[in-house]
Amino acid sequence: MSGSGRSREKTCCSSCCTLLISLGFVVLIYWAIFQPHQIRAAVESAELSNLAVSNASSPVAVTYHVAVNLSLYNPSKRVNIYYDTIDAELRFRGAVLSPAAAAASPSEFYQRRKTAQAVRLEFDGKSVAVPGDVSTELENEVKGAAMLGLELSVNVRVRYVFGSIKIRQKPRVLCAVSIPVPTTPGGFSFLGSGDRCWVKY
C-alpha cells in the first residue's frame, strides 16, 4: 500500500473516532442534564359524580363525571419546560371509559425549574359502553358502594429548555385513582390523594 493510501486510511479512522467521541460526549451531556430531571406527577384530589350503570342493554353502559386535579412537578435546577399538549383518558381494568378528557385546564403552559403546576382534568361519560369482560367487575364495585378503581393515562408533549437548547419529549403519566362510590344515585364523592404517579419516557 502506498504512503498516500495509508495516510487516507488513517485520516478516515481518525475522523470516525472523532465523530464517535463527539456523539458519546453529546449523549453524556444529554444524560447528565435531562435524564435525572424527569417530571414528577401526583394525584392531589379527585371527584366523582353523576355515576350510573345501566345493564338494560348489552353491553353495559356507564354514565359519570370525574374531575382529577393532577400536580406536575419540574424537579430540575436548571431546565425549564414547555407543556405543548395534554391528552388524557380514563380506564377501568384496562378498558377505556373515556377516549379523551372533556377539558384540561390549563391545556398548555410554561413551567419554570423547581416548581409545581396543578392541572385539572375533567371527564364526562354519557352512556359509555363497557366491554363485557370487565362490566361485571364495574357493576360489583358500584353496587357494593366501595372504592371505584380507575386508571388515569396522560400523554404530554413537552420541550425541555436549557439556554438555547430545546429537546422534545413525549412522557406518559399513569396514575391509579380509587374514588369512593357515592352513597346515593347521582351523588358526589371526593378523594384527597397525593399519591405519586408513574412517569414513563
Protein backbone atom coordinates (compact mmCIF):
# COMPACT_ATOMS: atom_id res chain seq x y z
CA MET A 1 0.00 0.00 0.00
CA SER A 2 1.34 3.43 -0.93
CA GLY A 3 2.07 6.11 1.66
CA SER A 4 -0.83 8.23 0.40
CA GLY A 5 -3.24 5.29 0.75
CA ARG A 6 -2.16 4.66 4.34
CA SER A 7 -2.49 8.38 5.05
CA ARG A 8 -6.07 8.45 3.74
CA GLU A 9 -6.95 5.37 5.81
CA LYS A 10 -5.54 6.95 8.98
CA THR A 11 -7.42 10.18 8.25
CA CYS A 12 -10.67 8.24 7.76
CA CYS A 13 -10.18 6.27 11.00
CA SER A 14 -9.30 9.46 12.85
CA SER A 15 -12.46 11.17 11.56
CA CYS A 16 -14.65 8.20 12.59
CA CYS A 17 -13.10 8.11 16.06
CA THR A 18 -13.59 11.86 16.46
CA LEU A 19 -17.23 11.54 15.38
CA LEU A 20 -17.91 8.66 17.80
CA ILE A 21 -16.26 10.52 20.66
CA SER A 22 -18.28 13.66 19.87
CA LEU A 23 -21.55 11.68 19.75
CA GLY A 24 -20.66 9.98 23.01
CA PHE A 25 -19.95 13.34 24.60
CA VAL A 26 -23.29 14.75 23.41
CA VAL A 27 -25.14 11.70 24.78
CA LEU A 28 -23.31 12.04 28.09
CA ILE A 29 -24.23 15.74 28.37
CA TYR A 30 -27.86 14.97 27.47
CA TRP A 31 -27.99 12.25 30.13
CA ALA A 32 -26.37 14.43 32.77
CA ILE A 33 -28.68 17.40 32.15
CA PHE A 34 -32.03 15.91 31.23
CA GLN A 35 -32.45 12.30 32.36
CA PRO A 36 -32.07 12.92 36.11
CA HIS A 37 -34.72 15.65 35.90
CA GLN A 38 -37.77 13.85 34.59
CA ILE A 39 -41.07 15.38 35.58
CA ARG A 40 -42.92 14.03 38.61
CA ALA A 41 -46.67 13.69 38.91
CA ALA A 42 -49.17 13.07 41.68
CA VAL A 43 -52.95 12.99 42.03
CA GLU A 44 -53.83 15.72 44.51
CA SER A 45 -57.58 15.06 44.55
CA ALA A 46 -60.40 13.53 42.53
CA GLU A 47 -64.15 13.99 42.36
CA LEU A 48 -66.83 11.57 41.16
CA SER A 49 -70.46 12.48 40.47
CA ASN A 50 -73.47 11.54 38.34
CA LEU A 51 -72.43 7.89 38.42
CA ALA A 52 -74.95 5.46 36.91
CA VAL A 53 -74.55 1.97 35.49
CA SER A 54 -77.19 0.54 33.16
CA ASN A 55 -77.39 -3.13 32.27
CA ALA A 56 -80.72 -2.77 30.49
CA SER A 57 -78.95 -3.45 27.22
CA SER A 58 -75.80 -5.17 26.12
CA PRO A 59 -73.08 -4.06 26.53
CA VAL A 60 -73.35 -2.44 29.95
CA ALA A 61 -73.27 1.37 29.80
CA VAL A 62 -71.87 3.79 32.40
CA THR A 63 -72.52 7.49 32.88
CA TYR A 64 -70.27 9.60 35.10
CA HIS A 65 -68.44 12.87 35.70
CA VAL A 66 -64.88 12.63 37.01
CA ALA A 67 -62.57 15.55 37.78
CA VAL A 68 -58.94 14.90 38.69
CA ASN A 69 -56.52 17.51 40.00
CA LEU A 70 -53.08 16.44 38.84
CA SER A 71 -49.86 18.03 40.09
CA LEU A 72 -46.93 18.14 37.66
CA TYR A 73 -43.55 18.98 39.17
CA ASN A 74 -40.34 20.03 37.44
CA PRO A 75 -37.51 18.94 39.78
CA SER A 76 -34.69 20.36 37.65
CA LYS A 77 -32.49 23.13 38.99
CA ARG A 78 -31.58 24.42 35.52
CA VAL A 79 -34.12 23.24 32.95
CA ASN A 80 -37.48 24.90 32.23
CA ILE A 81 -40.29 23.04 30.48
CA TYR A 82 -42.91 23.96 27.89
CA TYR A 83 -46.02 21.75 28.02
CA ASP A 84 -47.43 21.91 24.48
CA THR A 85 -50.29 19.40 24.70
CA ILE A 86 -52.00 17.32 27.39
CA ASP A 87 -54.15 14.34 26.32
CA ALA A 88 -55.79 12.19 28.99
CA GLU A 89 -58.14 9.23 29.19
CA LEU A 90 -59.79 7.20 31.95
CA ARG A 91 -59.66 3.41 32.11
CA PHE A 92 -61.20 0.67 34.19
CA ARG A 93 -59.26 -2.60 34.31
CA GLY A 94 -57.55 -1.56 31.09
CA ALA A 95 -60.80 -0.77 29.26
CA VAL A 96 -61.10 2.83 28.05
CA LEU A 97 -64.04 4.63 29.69
CA SER A 98 -63.32 7.96 28.05
CA PRO A 99 -61.38 8.47 24.81
CA ALA A 100 -60.19 11.91 25.90
CA ALA A 101 -60.62 14.44 28.66
CA ALA A 102 -63.53 16.80 28.10
CA ALA A 103 -61.34 19.60 29.46
CA ALA A 104 -57.77 20.13 30.62
CA SER A 105 -57.01 23.36 32.45
CA PRO A 106 -54.51 24.67 31.61
CA SER A 107 -54.10 22.74 28.36
CA GLU A 108 -50.61 24.18 27.76
CA PHE A 109 -48.22 26.16 29.93
CA TYR A 110 -44.63 27.10 30.69
CA GLN A 111 -43.11 25.66 33.85
CA ARG A 112 -40.02 27.08 35.50
CA ARG A 113 -37.49 24.92 37.29
CA LYS A 114 -38.27 23.59 40.79
CA THR A 115 -41.97 24.47 40.51
CA ALA A 116 -45.26 22.55 40.52
CA GLN A 117 -48.27 23.13 38.29
CA ALA A 118 -51.81 21.98 39.02
CA VAL A 119 -53.76 20.66 36.02
CA ARG A 120 -57.48 19.89 36.27
CA LEU A 121 -58.74 17.11 34.01
CA GLU A 122 -62.48 16.60 33.59
CA PHE A 123 -64.19 13.59 32.05
CA ASP A 124 -67.86 13.39 31.06
CA GLY A 125 -69.11 9.93 30.21
CA LYS A 126 -72.56 9.63 28.68
CA SER A 127 -73.75 6.02 28.37
CA VAL A 128 -70.24 4.76 27.61
CA ALA A 129 -70.25 1.10 26.56
CA VAL A 130 -68.19 -1.13 28.85
CA PRO A 131 -66.65 -4.32 27.41
CA GLY A 132 -68.30 -7.48 28.68
CA ASP A 133 -65.16 -8.90 30.29
CA VAL A 134 -64.95 -6.03 32.81
CA SER A 135 -68.61 -4.91 33.01
CA THR A 136 -69.37 -7.36 35.85
CA GLU A 137 -66.45 -6.02 37.91
CA LEU A 138 -67.64 -2.45 37.35
CA GLU A 139 -71.21 -3.31 38.40
CA ASN A 140 -69.99 -5.07 41.53
CA GLU A 141 -67.82 -2.12 42.62
CA VAL A 142 -70.66 0.37 42.09
CA LYS A 143 -73.34 -1.79 43.75
CA GLY A 144 -71.05 -2.56 46.66
CA ALA A 145 -70.66 1.18 47.33
CA ALA A 146 -66.95 0.58 47.72
CA MET A 147 -63.99 2.24 46.03
CA LEU A 148 -64.10 2.62 42.27
CA GLY A 149 -60.62 1.85 40.97
CA LEU A 150 -59.81 3.90 37.88
CA GLU A 151 -56.62 4.37 35.88
CA LEU A 152 -55.65 7.79 34.59
CA SER A 153 -53.44 7.85 31.49
CA VAL A 154 -51.99 11.20 30.44
CA ASN A 155 -49.83 11.78 27.37
CA VAL A 156 -47.98 15.09 27.24
CA ARG A 157 -45.74 16.74 24.68
CA VAL A 158 -43.01 18.78 26.34
CA ARG A 159 -39.97 20.82 25.37
CA TYR A 160 -37.06 20.92 27.77
CA VAL A 161 -35.33 24.30 27.54
CA PHE A 162 -31.72 24.75 28.61
CA GLY A 163 -30.40 28.07 27.33
CA SER A 164 -30.79 27.95 23.55
CA ILE A 165 -31.13 24.15 23.55
CA LYS A 166 -34.63 22.68 23.25
CA ILE A 167 -35.31 18.95 23.38
CA ARG A 168 -38.75 17.48 22.73
CA GLN A 169 -40.11 14.54 24.69
CA LYS A 170 -43.41 12.65 24.96
CA PRO A 171 -43.66 11.35 28.53
CA ARG A 172 -46.64 9.30 29.62
CA VAL A 173 -48.14 9.67 33.09
CA LEU A 174 -50.03 6.73 34.61
CA CYS A 175 -51.98 7.11 37.88
CA ALA A 176 -54.11 4.72 39.90
CA VAL A 177 -57.15 6.55 41.29
CA SER A 178 -59.54 4.91 43.76
CA ILE A 179 -62.59 7.11 44.35
CA PRO A 180 -65.34 6.28 46.88
CA VAL A 181 -68.60 5.32 45.16
CA PRO A 182 -71.32 7.91 46.01
CA THR A 183 -73.75 6.55 48.61
CA THR A 184 -76.76 7.90 46.72
CA PRO A 185 -77.55 7.60 42.99
CA GLY A 186 -76.31 10.67 41.18
CA GLY A 187 -74.45 11.74 44.33
CA PHE A 188 -70.98 13.20 44.78
CA SER A 189 -67.79 11.81 46.32
CA PHE A 190 -64.36 13.30 46.89
CA LEU A 191 -60.90 11.81 47.26
CA GLY A 192 -57.87 13.61 48.63
CA SER A 193 -54.91 11.57 47.49
CA GLY A 194 -51.42 12.91 46.91
CA ASP A 195 -50.32 9.51 45.57
CA ARG A 196 -47.36 9.58 43.22
CA CYS A 197 -47.90 8.56 39.61
CA TRP A 198 -45.62 6.60 37.31
CA VAL A 199 -43.94 8.64 34.55
CA LYS A 200 -42.57 6.80 31.52
CA TYR A 201 -40.31 8.37 28.88
